Amino acid sequence: MSGSDLHDPIVDVDTLSTQCPHCGAQDDDSFEALDNETVVTLRCDACRMPFHRLVFECSHCTEENVITWPGRPTAEQVAAARCSVCDTRFGCDDDDGRLEDQLLE
């Protein structure tokens, strides 16, 4: 192990980062403290602006996803949320919501 390895930050796999859509500030939160599959209103600690967050586990690849909006999202915006890894649509069972399997309207 090199000396530089001793100073590398340890990444906690039990946390997710939420980025403020207004100023870009990031906040880490533990899985236990997050409301999954519910849009919640938060206030950024850095810029004090309110924003909305959705946390969901992808039904296809099980990746935890965090999506934020500066204003209250519409039902269409929430339904359009997609997994950052496999592109499965939020709320779809298995891969029936993957972009490559759908016709774009």
Protein backbone atom coordinates (compact mmCIF):
# COMPACT_ATOMS: atom_id res chain seq x y z
CA MET A 1 0.00 0.00 0.00
CA SER A 2 1.48 3.35 -0.96
CA GLY A 3 1.53 6.40 1.28
CA SER A 4 -1.08 8.11 -0.90
CA ASP A 5 -3.48 5.20 -0.35
CA LEU A 6 -3.56 6.02 3.34
CA HIS A 7 -5.07 9.43 2.61
CA ASP A 8 -7.73 8.34 0.12
CA PRO A 9 -11.25 9.04 1.41
CA ILE A 10 -13.34 6.02 2.33
CA VAL A 11 -16.59 5.84 0.40
CA ASP A 12 -19.56 4.70 2.47
CA VAL A 13 -21.69 2.43 0.29
CA ASP A 14 -24.68 3.03 2.57
CA THR A 15 -25.04 6.69 1.56
CA LEU A 16 -26.46 8.48 -1.45
CA SER A 17 -25.58 11.99 -2.59
CA THR A 18 -28.28 14.53 -3.32
CA GLN A 19 -27.26 17.47 -5.50
CA CYS A 20 -29.13 20.76 -5.21
CA PRO A 21 -30.59 21.63 -8.64
CA HIS A 22 -30.13 25.35 -7.86
CA CYS A 23 -26.50 25.68 -6.69
CA GLY A 24 -25.02 22.20 -7.19
CA ALA A 25 -24.15 21.66 -3.52
CA GLN A 26 -24.07 17.99 -2.52
CA ASP A 27 -25.39 16.42 0.65
CA ASP A 28 -24.86 12.81 1.68
CA ASP A 29 -27.65 10.90 3.37
CA SER A 30 -27.86 7.36 4.69
CA PHE A 31 -30.30 4.91 3.11
CA GLU A 32 -32.24 4.64 6.34
CA ALA A 33 -33.06 8.36 6.35
CA LEU A 34 -34.41 8.49 2.80
CA ASP A 35 -38.05 8.26 1.75
CA ASN A 36 -37.98 5.81 -1.16
CA GLU A 37 -40.38 6.27 -4.06
CA THR A 38 -41.84 9.47 -2.60
CA VAL A 39 -41.20 13.01 -3.84
CA VAL A 40 -40.12 15.05 -0.83
CA THR A 41 -39.44 18.76 -0.45
CA LEU A 42 -36.04 19.69 0.96
CA ARG A 43 -34.11 22.91 1.54
CA CYS A 44 -30.48 23.19 0.46
CA ASP A 45 -28.14 23.93 3.37
CA ALA A 46 -25.87 25.96 1.07
CA CYS A 47 -28.23 28.25 -0.89
CA ARG A 48 -31.37 27.81 1.29
CA MET A 49 -33.54 27.25 -1.81
CA PRO A 50 -36.25 24.57 -1.69
CA PHE A 51 -36.14 21.66 -4.11
CA HIS A 52 -37.80 18.28 -4.61
CA ARG A 53 -36.17 14.84 -4.49
CA LEU A 54 -37.17 11.34 -5.56
CA VAL A 55 -35.16 8.31 -4.41
CA PHE A 56 -35.96 4.95 -5.98
CA GLU A 57 -34.45 1.52 -6.42
CA CYS A 58 -34.46 0.39 -10.04
CA SER A 59 -36.71 -2.63 -10.54
CA HIS A 60 -34.34 -4.00 -13.19
CA CYS A 61 -30.79 -3.55 -11.87
CA THR A 62 -31.52 -2.57 -8.20
CA GLU A 63 -29.41 0.62 -8.45
CA GLU A 64 -30.46 3.34 -5.99
CA ASN A 65 -31.27 6.55 -7.88
CA VAL A 66 -31.64 10.14 -6.68
CA ILE A 67 -33.43 12.65 -8.92
CA THR A 68 -33.97 16.30 -8.02
CA TRP A 69 -36.09 19.10 -9.46
CA PRO A 70 -35.92 22.84 -8.66
CA GLY A 71 -39.74 23.05 -8.58
CA ARG A 72 -42.49 20.57 -7.74
CA PRO A 73 -42.38 17.93 -10.50
CA THR A 74 -45.48 17.08 -12.46
CA ALA A 75 -46.79 13.51 -12.57
CA GLU A 76 -45.33 13.29 -16.09
CA GLN A 77 -41.88 14.36 -14.88
CA VAL A 78 -41.93 11.75 -12.11
CA ALA A 79 -43.13 9.07 -14.55
CA ALA A 80 -40.29 10.03 -16.92
CA ALA A 81 -37.62 9.42 -14.24
CA ARG A 82 -35.13 6.77 -15.37
CA CYS A 83 -32.43 4.68 -13.79
CA SER A 84 -28.98 6.24 -14.22
CA VAL A 85 -27.44 2.82 -14.92
CA CYS A 86 -29.81 0.81 -17.14
CA ASP A 87 -32.36 3.48 -18.22
CA THR A 88 -35.38 1.61 -16.83
CA ARG A 89 -38.29 3.94 -16.19
CA PHE A 90 -39.28 4.58 -12.54
CA GLY A 91 -42.13 2.32 -11.45
CA CYS A 92 -41.72 -0.25 -14.25
CA ASP A 93 -41.50 -3.94 -13.50
CA ASP A 94 -38.29 -5.54 -14.77
CA ASP A 95 -37.24 -4.38 -18.22
CA ASP A 96 -40.62 -3.40 -19.68
CA GLY A 97 -39.66 0.24 -19.15
CA ARG A 98 -36.21 0.24 -20.73
CA LEU A 99 -35.79 2.87 -23.42
CA GLU A 100 -34.41 0.56 -26.09
CA ASP A 101 -37.54 -1.62 -25.81
CA GLN A 102 -39.98 1.24 -26.42
CA LEU A 103 -41.09 3.26 -29.39
CA LEU A 104 -40.50 6.95 -28.84
CA GLU A 105 -43.65 8.96 -29.26
